[in-house]
Amino acid sequence: MAIRGYVLVETEVGRTQAVGTAIRNVTSEFARIMAVDTVTGPFDVIVQLEADDLDRLGKAITQDVASLDGVQRTTTCLSVNLG
């Protein structure tokens, strides 16, 4: 079963569009980027990722998303099955 994570991205001022575009263009060896949305509120971009395991998801977040120019901070929410 795939692990799904939602990465809430805060960008540097004025960099939201560039960061969203950069994330859309990422080809990750660790996870599949399912969606990238620019949003309003306390976060600037939300990224939906899926990976085969938690380690691969973590590598995608730290190496492919959080390291991009203009990314100031990320917060990750993991999807869980409670039913």
PDB file of N, CA and C in Angstrom:
ATOM      1  N   MET A   1       0.840  -1.179   0.000  1.00  0.00           N
ATOM      2  CA  MET A   1       0.000   0.000   0.000  1.00  0.00           C
ATOM      3  C   MET A   1       0.885   1.242   0.000  1.00  0.00           C
ATOM      4  N   ALA A   2       0.560   2.189  -0.838  1.00  0.00           N
ATOM      5  CA  ALA A   2       1.345   3.413  -0.952  1.00  0.00           C
ATOM      6  C   ALA A   2       1.112   4.322   0.254  1.00  0.00           C
ATOM      7  N   ILE A   3       2.132   5.076   0.586  1.00  0.00           N
ATOM      8  CA  ILE A   3       2.058   6.091   1.633  1.00  0.00           C
ATOM      9  C   ILE A   3       1.771   7.422   0.948  1.00  0.00           C
ATOM     10  N   ARG A   4       0.765   8.135   1.432  1.00  0.00           N
ATOM     11  CA  ARG A   4       0.422   9.427   0.850  1.00  0.00           C
ATOM     12  C   ARG A   4       0.724  10.530   1.846  1.00  0.00           C
ATOM     13  N   GLY A   5       1.347  11.583   1.359  1.00  0.00           N
ATOM     14  CA  GLY A   5       1.651  12.730   2.201  1.00  0.00           C
ATOM     15  C   GLY A   5       1.240  14.019   1.526  1.00  0.00           C
ATOM     16  N   TYR A   6       0.851  14.969   2.344  1.00  0.00           N
ATOM     17  CA  TYR A   6       0.523  16.307   1.869  1.00  0.00           C
ATOM     18  C   TYR A   6       1.588  17.236   2.440  1.00  0.00           C
ATOM     19  N   VAL A   7       2.335  17.884   1.577  1.00  0.00           N
ATOM     20  CA  VAL A   7       3.406  18.774   1.996  1.00  0.00           C
ATOM     21  C   VAL A   7       2.902  20.201   1.875  1.00  0.00           C
ATOM     22  N   LEU A   8       2.829  20.889   3.013  1.00  0.00           N
ATOM     23  CA  LEU A   8       2.384  22.269   3.070  1.00  0.00           C
ATOM     24  C   LEU A   8       3.635  23.130   3.003  1.00  0.00           C
ATOM     25  N   VAL A   9       3.739  23.933   1.957  1.00  0.00           N
ATOM     26  CA  VAL A   9       4.967  24.665   1.670  1.00  0.00           C
ATOM     27  C   VAL A   9       4.777  26.152   1.920  1.00  0.00           C
ATOM     28  N   GLU A  10       5.692  26.720   2.693  1.00  0.00           N
ATOM     29  CA  GLU A  10       5.770  28.168   2.844  1.00  0.00           C
ATOM     30  C   GLU A  10       6.934  28.642   1.980  1.00  0.00           C
ATOM     31  N   THR A  11       6.691  29.672   1.171  1.00  0.00           N
ATOM     32  CA  THR A  11       7.727  30.166   0.280  1.00  0.00           C
ATOM     33  C   THR A  11       8.231  31.529   0.737  1.00  0.00           C
ATOM     34  N   GLU A  12       9.371  31.912   0.197  1.00  0.00           N
ATOM     35  CA  GLU A  12       9.864  33.267   0.413  1.00  0.00           C
ATOM     36  C   GLU A  12       8.900  34.228  -0.274  1.00  0.00           C
ATOM     37  N   VAL A  13       8.825  35.441   0.232  1.00  0.00           N
ATOM     38  CA  VAL A  13       7.912  36.445  -0.323  1.00  0.00           C
ATOM     39  C   VAL A  13       8.200  36.625  -1.813  1.00  0.00           C
ATOM     40  N   GLY A  14       7.135  36.565  -2.605  1.00  0.00           N
ATOM     41  CA  GLY A  14       7.250  36.771  -4.035  1.00  0.00           C
ATOM     42  C   GLY A  14       7.715  35.572  -4.832  1.00  0.00           C
ATOM     43  N   ARG A  15       7.882  34.429  -4.192  1.00  0.00           N
ATOM     44  CA  ARG A  15       8.423  33.246  -4.883  1.00  0.00           C
ATOM     45  C   ARG A  15       7.405  32.124  -5.062  1.00  0.00           C
ATOM     46  N   THR A  16       6.152  32.369  -4.684  1.00  0.00           N
ATOM     47  CA  THR A  16       5.152  31.299  -4.706  1.00  0.00           C
ATOM     48  C   THR A  16       4.972  30.694  -6.095  1.00  0.00           C
ATOM     49  N   GLN A  17       4.805  31.526  -7.103  1.00  0.00           N
ATOM     50  CA  GLN A  17       4.588  31.007  -8.454  1.00  0.00           C
ATOM     51  C   GLN A  17       5.803  30.216  -8.938  1.00  0.00           C
ATOM     52  N   ALA A  18       6.992  30.739  -8.708  1.00  0.00           N
ATOM     53  CA  ALA A  18       8.213  30.048  -9.143  1.00  0.00           C
ATOM     54  C   ALA A  18       8.383  28.712  -8.430  1.00  0.00           C
ATOM     55  N   VAL A  19       8.078  28.682  -7.139  1.00  0.00           N
ATOM     56  CA  VAL A  19       8.199  27.429  -6.384  1.00  0.00           C
ATOM     57  C   VAL A  19       7.171  26.413  -6.885  1.00  0.00           C
ATOM     58  N   GLY A  20       5.929  26.842  -7.091  1.00  0.00           N
ATOM     59  CA  GLY A  20       4.908  25.932  -7.612  1.00  0.00           C
ATOM     60  C   GLY A  20       5.312  25.339  -8.951  1.00  0.00           C
ATOM     61  N   THR A  21       5.833  26.175  -9.824  1.00  0.00           N
ATOM     62  CA  THR A  21       6.287  25.698 -11.141  1.00  0.00           C
ATOM     63  C   THR A  21       7.453  24.731 -10.994  1.00  0.00           C
ATOM     64  N   ALA A  22       8.398  25.052 -10.130  1.00  0.00           N
ATOM     65  CA  ALA A  22       9.550  24.177  -9.929  1.00  0.00           C
ATOM     66  C   ALA A  22       9.126  22.810  -9.404  1.00  0.00           C
ATOM     67  N   ILE A  23       8.177  22.785  -8.484  1.00  0.00           N
ATOM     68  CA  ILE A  23       7.706  21.504  -7.944  1.00  0.00           C
ATOM     69  C   ILE A  23       6.997  20.710  -9.031  1.00  0.00           C
ATOM     70  N   ARG A  24       6.196  21.372  -9.862  1.00  0.00           N
ATOM     71  CA  ARG A  24       5.512  20.672 -10.963  1.00  0.00           C
ATOM     72  C   ARG A  24       6.508  20.029 -11.927  1.00  0.00           C
ATOM     73  N   ASN A  25       7.693  20.619 -12.043  1.00  0.00           N
ATOM     74  CA  ASN A  25       8.704  20.113 -12.975  1.00  0.00           C
ATOM     75  C   ASN A  25       9.652  19.081 -12.362  1.00  0.00           C
ATOM     76  N   VAL A  26       9.488  18.783 -11.081  1.00  0.00           N
ATOM     77  CA  VAL A  26      10.350  17.797 -10.420  1.00  0.00           C
ATOM     78  C   VAL A  26      10.021  16.396 -10.917  1.00  0.00           C
ATOM     79  N   THR A  27      11.050  15.640 -11.228  1.00  0.00           N
ATOM     80  CA  THR A  27      10.917  14.213 -11.504  1.00  0.00           C
ATOM     81  C   THR A  27      11.647  13.500 -10.376  1.00  0.00           C
ATOM     82  N   SER A  28      10.899  12.963  -9.445  1.00  0.00           N
ATOM     83  CA  SER A  28      11.477  12.345  -8.265  1.00  0.00           C
ATOM     84  C   SER A  28      11.704  10.857  -8.478  1.00  0.00           C
ATOM     85  N   GLU A  29      12.839  10.375  -8.019  1.00  0.00           N
ATOM     86  CA  GLU A  29      13.097   8.933  -8.055  1.00  0.00           C
ATOM     87  C   GLU A  29      12.485   8.233  -6.845  1.00  0.00           C
ATOM     88  N   PHE A  30      11.978   9.025  -5.881  1.00  0.00           N
ATOM     89  CA  PHE A  30      11.490   8.473  -4.624  1.00  0.00           C
ATOM     90  C   PHE A  30       9.976   8.389  -4.519  1.00  0.00           C
ATOM     91  N   ALA A  31       9.260   9.329  -5.132  1.00  0.00           N
ATOM     92  CA  ALA A  31       7.810   9.406  -4.958  1.00  0.00           C
ATOM     93  C   ALA A  31       7.155   9.960  -6.216  1.00  0.00           C
ATOM     94  N   ARG A  32       5.864   9.750  -6.288  1.00  0.00           N
ATOM     95  CA  ARG A  32       5.065  10.298  -7.385  1.00  0.00           C
ATOM     96  C   ARG A  32       4.413  11.592  -6.910  1.00  0.00           C
ATOM     97  N   ILE A  33       4.577  12.643  -7.669  1.00  0.00           N
ATOM     98  CA  ILE A  33       3.915  13.905  -7.350  1.00  0.00           C
ATOM     99  C   ILE A  33       2.529  13.843  -7.989  1.00  0.00           C
ATOM    100  N   MET A  34       1.509  13.776  -7.147  1.00  0.00           N
ATOM    101  CA  MET A  34       0.144  13.583  -7.618  1.00  0.00           C
ATOM    102  C   MET A  34      -0.555  14.903  -7.924  1.00  0.00           C
ATOM    103  N   ALA A  35      -0.250  15.943  -7.150  1.00  0.00           N
ATOM    104  CA  ALA A  35      -0.891  17.251  -7.357  1.00  0.00           C
ATOM    105  C   ALA A  35      -0.023  18.331  -6.737  1.00  0.00           C
ATOM    106  N   VAL A  36      -0.067  19.505  -7.348  1.00  0.00           N
ATOM    107  CA  VAL A  36       0.602  20.689  -6.823  1.00  0.00           C
ATOM    108  C   VAL A  36      -0.400  21.832  -6.951  1.00  0.00           C
ATOM    109  N   ASP A  37      -0.778  22.417  -5.824  1.00  0.00           N
ATOM    110  CA  ASP A  37      -1.758  23.501  -5.828  1.00  0.00           C
ATOM    111  C   ASP A  37      -1.208  24.718  -5.105  1.00  0.00           C
ATOM    112  N   THR A  38      -1.353  25.871  -5.739  1.00  0.00           N
ATOM    113  CA  THR A  38      -1.061  27.141  -5.081  1.00  0.00           C
ATOM    114  C   THR A  38      -2.320  27.533  -4.328  1.00  0.00           C
ATOM    115  N   VAL A  39      -2.160  27.899  -3.057  1.00  0.00           N
ATOM    116  CA  VAL A  39      -3.323  28.138  -2.203  1.00  0.00           C
ATOM    117  C   VAL A  39      -3.181  29.463  -1.450  1.00  0.00           C
ATOM    118  N   THR A  40      -4.273  29.889  -0.841  1.00  0.00           N
ATOM    119  CA  THR A  40      -4.246  31.051   0.032  1.00  0.00           C
ATOM    120  C   THR A  40      -4.226  30.573   1.477  1.00  0.00           C
ATOM    121  N   GLY A  41      -3.889  31.458   2.383  1.00  0.00           N
ATOM    122  CA  GLY A  41      -3.858  31.106   3.798  1.00  0.00           C
ATOM    123  C   GLY A  41      -2.436  31.072   4.307  1.00  0.00           C
ATOM    124  N   PRO A  42      -2.197  30.334   5.384  1.00  0.00           N
ATOM    125  CA  PRO A  42      -0.865  30.341   6.003  1.00  0.00           C
ATOM    126  C   PRO A  42       0.199  29.619   5.172  1.00  0.00           C
ATOM    127  N   PHE A  43      -0.217  28.800   4.218  1.00  0.00           N
ATOM    128  CA  PHE A  43       0.721  28.100   3.340  1.00  0.00           C
ATOM    129  C   PHE A  43       0.536  28.624   1.929  1.00  0.00           C
ATOM    130  N   ASP A  44       1.551  28.429   1.100  1.00  0.00           N
ATOM    131  CA  ASP A  44       1.529  28.963  -0.255  1.00  0.00           C
ATOM    132  C   ASP A  44       1.292  27.896  -1.318  1.00  0.00           C
ATOM    133  N   VAL A  45       1.811  26.714  -1.089  1.00  0.00           N
ATOM    134  CA  VAL A  45       1.688  25.609  -2.045  1.00  0.00           C
ATOM    135  C   VAL A  45       1.418  24.338  -1.252  1.00  0.00           C
ATOM    136  N   ILE A  46       0.543  23.495  -1.769  1.00  0.00           N
ATOM    137  CA  ILE A  46       0.309  22.172  -1.181  1.00  0.00           C
ATOM    138  C   ILE A  46       0.642  21.129  -2.237  1.00  0.00           C
ATOM    139  N   VAL A  47       1.456  20.164  -1.844  1.00  0.00           N
ATOM    140  CA  VAL A  47       1.901  19.111  -2.752  1.00  0.00           C
ATOM    141  C   VAL A  47       1.403  17.771  -2.224  1.00  0.00           C
ATOM    142  N   GLN A  48       0.776  16.997  -3.080  1.00  0.00           N
ATOM    143  CA  GLN A  48       0.349  15.641  -2.717  1.00  0.00           C
ATOM    144  C   GLN A  48       1.353  14.664  -3.329  1.00  0.00           C
ATOM    145  N   LEU A  49       1.952  13.838  -2.470  1.00  0.00           N
ATOM    146  CA  LEU A  49       2.938  12.850  -2.896  1.00  0.00           C
ATOM    147  C   LEU A  49       2.484  11.450  -2.517  1.00  0.00           C
ATOM    148  N   GLU A  50       2.899  10.471  -3.297  1.00  0.00           N
ATOM    149  CA  GLU A  50       2.711   9.061  -2.946  1.00  0.00           C
ATOM    150  C   GLU A  50       4.031   8.336  -3.142  1.00  0.00           C
ATOM    151  N   ALA A  51       4.346   7.461  -2.189  1.00  0.00           N
ATOM    152  CA  ALA A  51       5.584   6.682  -2.263  1.00  0.00           C
ATOM    153  C   ALA A  51       5.318   5.267  -1.771  1.00  0.00           C
ATOM    154  N   ASP A  52       6.245   4.386  -2.069  1.00  0.00           N
ATOM    155  CA  ASP A  52       6.095   2.982  -1.673  1.00  0.00           C
ATOM    156  C   ASP A  52       6.274   2.776  -0.177  1.00  0.00           C
ATOM    157  N   ASP A  53       7.053   3.644   0.474  1.00  0.00           N
ATOM    158  CA  ASP A  53       7.238   3.535   1.921  1.00  0.00           C
ATOM    159  C   ASP A  53       7.586   4.905   2.492  1.00  0.00           C
ATOM    160  N   LEU A  54       7.604   4.986   3.805  1.00  0.00           N
ATOM    161  CA  LEU A  54       7.817   6.252   4.494  1.00  0.00           C
ATOM    162  C   LEU A  54       9.207   6.826   4.237  1.00  0.00           C
ATOM    163  N   ASP A  55      10.210   5.972   4.140  1.00  0.00           N
ATOM    164  CA  ASP A  55      11.564   6.457   3.880  1.00  0.00           C
ATOM    165  C   ASP A  55      11.659   7.142   2.518  1.00  0.00           C
ATOM    166  N   ARG A  56      11.053   6.533   1.512  1.00  0.00           N
ATOM    167  CA  ARG A  56      11.084   7.132   0.177  1.00  0.00           C
ATOM    168  C   ARG A  56      10.298   8.445   0.153  1.00  0.00           C
ATOM    169  N   LEU A  57       9.199   8.487   0.875  1.00  0.00           N
ATOM    170  CA  LEU A  57       8.427   9.728   0.957  1.00  0.00           C
ATOM    171  C   LEU A  57       9.277  10.821   1.606  1.00  0.00           C
ATOM    172  N   GLY A  58       9.953  10.489   2.693  1.00  0.00           N
ATOM    173  CA  GLY A  58      10.812  11.452   3.373  1.00  0.00           C
ATOM    174  C   GLY A  58      11.927  11.975   2.484  1.00  0.00           C
ATOM    175  N   LYS A  59      12.532  11.090   1.705  1.00  0.00           N
ATOM    176  CA  LYS A  59      13.589  11.518   0.784  1.00  0.00           C
ATOM    177  C   LYS A  59      13.040  12.454  -0.284  1.00  0.00           C
ATOM    178  N   ALA A  60      11.853  12.162  -0.794  1.00  0.00           N
ATOM    179  CA  ALA A  60      11.244  13.041  -1.797  1.00  0.00           C
ATOM    180  C   ALA A  60      10.984  14.423  -1.215  1.00  0.00           C
ATOM    181  N   ILE A  61      10.522  14.455   0.022  1.00  0.00           N
ATOM    182  CA  ILE A  61      10.230  15.745   0.657  1.00  0.00           C
ATOM    183  C   ILE A  61      11.515  16.528   0.882  1.00  0.00           C
ATOM    184  N   THR A  62      12.513  15.908   1.471  1.00  0.00           N
ATOM    185  CA  THR A  62      13.728  16.641   1.829  1.00  0.00           C
ATOM    186  C   THR A  62      14.626  16.933   0.629  1.00  0.00           C
ATOM    187  N   GLN A  63      14.729  15.994  -0.293  1.00  0.00           N
ATOM    188  CA  GLN A  63      15.649  16.173  -1.412  1.00  0.00           C
ATOM    189  C   GLN A  63      15.009  16.833  -2.626  1.00  0.00           C
ATOM    190  N   ASP A  64      13.720  16.603  -2.845  1.00  0.00           N
ATOM    191  CA  ASP A  64      13.085  17.094  -4.069  1.00  0.00           C
ATOM    192  C   ASP A  64      12.224  18.339  -3.864  1.00  0.00           C
ATOM    193  N   VAL A  65      11.667  18.531  -2.691  1.00  0.00           N
ATOM    194  CA  VAL A  65      10.765  19.662  -2.458  1.00  0.00           C
ATOM    195  C   VAL A  65      11.420  20.712  -1.566  1.00  0.00           C
ATOM    196  N   ALA A  66      11.805  20.336  -0.369  1.00  0.00           N
ATOM    197  CA  ALA A  66      12.308  21.307   0.604  1.00  0.00           C
ATOM    198  C   ALA A  66      13.604  21.972   0.171  1.00  0.00           C
ATOM    199  N   SER A  67      14.358  21.348  -0.712  1.00  0.00           N
ATOM    200  CA  SER A  67      15.646  21.894  -1.135  1.00  0.00           C
ATOM    201  C   SER A  67      15.533  22.894  -2.284  1.00  0.00           C
ATOM    202  N   LEU A  68      14.347  23.081  -2.830  1.00  0.00           N
ATOM    203  CA  LEU A  68      14.191  24.001  -3.961  1.00  0.00           C
ATOM    204  C   LEU A  68      14.387  25.452  -3.533  1.00  0.00           C
ATOM    205  N   ASP A  69      14.961  26.244  -4.418  1.00  0.00           N
ATOM    206  CA  ASP A  69      15.122  27.677  -4.159  1.00  0.00           C
ATOM    207  C   ASP A  69      13.762  28.313  -3.928  1.00  0.00           C
ATOM    208  N   GLY A  70      13.669  29.112  -2.891  1.00  0.00           N
ATOM    209  CA  GLY A  70      12.430  29.812  -2.589  1.00  0.00           C
ATOM    210  C   GLY A  70      11.564  29.124  -1.549  1.00  0.00           C
ATOM    211  N   VAL A  71      11.857  27.853  -1.235  1.00  0.00           N
ATOM    212  CA  VAL A  71      11.105  27.149  -0.198  1.00  0.00           C
ATOM    213  C   VAL A  71      11.670  27.568   1.155  1.00  0.00           C
ATOM    214  N   GLN A  72      10.819  28.106   1.984  1.00  0.00           N
ATOM    215  CA  GLN A  72      11.259  28.565   3.295  1.00  0.00           C
ATOM    216  C   GLN A  72      11.065  27.490   4.367  1.00  0.00           C
ATOM    217  N   ARG A  73       9.923  26.789   4.303  1.00  0.00           N
ATOM    218  CA  ARG A  73       9.598  25.788   5.329  1.00  0.00           C
ATOM    219  C   ARG A  73       8.565  24.828   4.754  1.00  0.00           C
ATOM    220  N   THR A  74       8.605  23.579   5.229  1.00  0.00           N
ATOM    221  CA  THR A  74       7.582  22.606   4.855  1.00  0.00           C
ATOM    222  C   THR A  74       7.008  21.958   6.117  1.00  0.00           C
ATOM    223  N   THR A  75       5.742  21.593   6.020  1.00  0.00           N
ATOM    224  CA  THR A  75       5.067  20.815   7.048  1.00  0.00           C
ATOM    225  C   THR A  75       4.402  19.657   6.332  1.00  0.00           C
ATOM    226  N   THR A  76       4.603  18.445   6.822  1.00  0.00           N
ATOM    227  CA  THR A  76       4.052  17.277   6.149  1.00  0.00           C
ATOM    228  C   THR A  76       2.945  16.642   6.987  1.00  0.00           C
ATOM    229  N   CYS A  77       1.845  16.345   6.318  1.00  0.00           N
ATOM    230  CA  CYS A  77       0.719  15.630   6.924  1.00  0.00           C
ATOM    231  C   CYS A  77       0.603  14.293   6.212  1.00  0.00           C
ATOM    232  N   LEU A  78       0.635  13.201   6.977  1.00  0.00           N
ATOM    233  CA  LEU A  78       0.512  11.862   6.391  1.00  0.00           C
ATOM    234  C   LEU A  78      -0.953  11.439   6.380  1.00  0.00           C
ATOM    235  N   SER A  79      -1.350  10.811   5.301  1.00  0.00           N
ATOM    236  CA  SER A  79      -2.697  10.271   5.207  1.00  0.00           C
ATOM    237  C   SER A  79      -2.734   8.935   5.949  1.00  0.00           C
ATOM    238  N   VAL A  80      -3.783   8.734   6.755  1.00  0.00           N
ATOM    239  CA  VAL A  80      -3.940   7.498   7.514  1.00  0.00           C
ATOM    240  C   VAL A  80      -5.300   6.884   7.222  1.00  0.00           C
ATOM    241  N   ASN A  81      -5.381   5.563   7.335  1.00  0.00           N
ATOM    242  CA  ASN A  81      -6.643   4.864   7.148  1.00  0.00           C
ATOM    243  C   ASN A  81      -7.164   4.483   8.517  1.00  0.00           C
ATOM    244  N   LEU A  82      -8.214   5.134   8.970  1.00  0.00           N
ATOM    245  CA  LEU A  82      -8.756   4.887  10.294  1.00  0.00           C
ATOM    246  C   LEU A  82      -9.926   3.891  10.271  1.00  0.00           C
ATOM    247  N   GLY A  83     -10.312   3.449   9.098  1.00  0.00           N
ATOM    248  CA  GLY A  83     -11.483   2.589   9.010  1.00  0.00           C
ATOM    249  C   GLY A  83     -11.133   1.202   8.740  1.00  0.00           C
TER     250      GLY A  83
END
